[in-house]
Structures are given as structure tokens and as C-alpha cells.
Amino acid sequence: MFSTGQIYFAIFFVIAFTIAMVWSYRKDLQRHKHYYKNTAIKVFIAGILVTISFILIRLALK
């Protein structure tokens, strides 16, 4: 299915991408704390509202 070169590339890419993401997140951690206060709560509430509206639309169209 995949050649050994493709498998090595995929492994290297996943490792390099993960390292880059961790490095970038740690670099911006203080800025995130300042600008994105209570963002998780807002995203959770938005997700609940979208789910409820989807359920209500499905019930209304039955």
C-alpha cells in the first residue's frame, strides 16, 4: 500500500508538526491568556446552542 519512503516521511512529518505546534503554543501562551479569557466557556455554550437549534429544526420538520 505505502512504500517505506512514504511511511518514513509520514512519521517524520507527524513528529515535526507536533514539535512545531508545541513550540508555537508555548511561545504564544502569555498572549493567549491575555486575549482569550473564558474562550472555552464561550465555545461550549455556542456548541450547546447549535446542538439545541439543530434538534429543534429536526423536530419542527418531522
Protein backbone atom coordinates (compact mmCIF):
# COMPACT_ATOMS: atom_id res chain seq x y z
CA MET A 1 0.00 0.00 0.00
CA PHE A 2 2.67 2.55 1.04
CA SER A 3 6.36 2.43 0.25
CA THR A 4 8.89 2.60 3.08
CA GLY A 5 9.88 6.10 1.98
CA GLN A 6 6.30 7.29 2.30
CA ILE A 7 5.99 5.74 5.75
CA TYR A 8 9.24 7.39 6.91
CA PHE A 9 8.06 10.72 5.53
CA ALA A 10 4.71 10.42 7.30
CA ILE A 11 6.38 9.59 10.62
CA PHE A 12 8.86 12.45 10.24
CA PHE A 13 6.07 14.86 9.26
CA VAL A 14 3.89 13.96 12.27
CA ILE A 15 6.81 14.34 14.68
CA ALA A 16 7.98 17.64 13.14
CA PHE A 17 4.45 19.04 13.01
CA THR A 18 3.80 18.11 16.66
CA ILE A 19 7.06 19.72 17.78
CA ALA A 20 6.26 22.88 15.80
CA MET A 21 2.76 23.09 17.28
CA VAL A 22 4.02 22.66 20.86
CA TRP A 23 6.78 25.22 20.33
CA SER A 24 4.36 27.73 18.80
CA TYR A 25 1.80 27.23 21.57
CA ARG A 26 4.37 27.70 24.32
CA LYS A 27 5.68 30.80 22.60
CA ASP A 28 2.21 32.40 22.49
CA LEU A 29 0.96 31.16 25.88
CA GLN A 30 1.07 34.54 27.65
CA ARG A 31 -0.67 36.26 24.74
CA HIS A 32 -3.39 33.59 24.73
CA LYS A 33 -4.04 34.09 28.44
CA HIS A 34 -4.47 37.83 27.88
CA TYR A 35 -6.65 37.87 24.74
CA TYR A 36 -8.66 34.66 25.06
CA LYS A 37 -10.11 34.75 28.56
CA ASN A 38 -13.07 32.38 29.06
CA THR A 39 -12.97 31.28 25.44
CA ALA A 40 -13.60 27.63 26.32
CA ILE A 41 -16.83 28.56 28.07
CA LYS A 42 -17.98 30.62 25.08
CA VAL A 43 -17.20 27.80 22.64
CA PHE A 44 -19.01 25.29 24.87
CA ILE A 45 -22.12 27.49 25.07
CA ALA A 46 -22.06 28.06 21.30
CA GLY A 47 -21.81 24.30 20.73
CA ILE A 48 -24.75 23.64 23.03
CA LEU A 49 -26.82 26.33 21.25
CA VAL A 50 -26.02 24.88 17.83
CA THR A 51 -26.95 21.39 19.01
CA ILE A 52 -30.23 22.57 20.53
CA SER A 53 -31.13 24.55 17.41
CA PHE A 54 -30.36 21.52 15.20
CA ILE A 55 -32.60 19.32 17.35
CA LEU A 56 -35.41 21.89 17.27
CA ILE A 57 -35.17 22.22 13.48
CA ARG A 58 -35.31 18.43 13.07
CA LEU A 59 -38.34 18.20 15.35
CA ALA A 60 -40.08 21.04 13.53
CA LEU A 61 -39.57 19.43 10.11
CA LYS A 62 -40.92 16.00 11.09
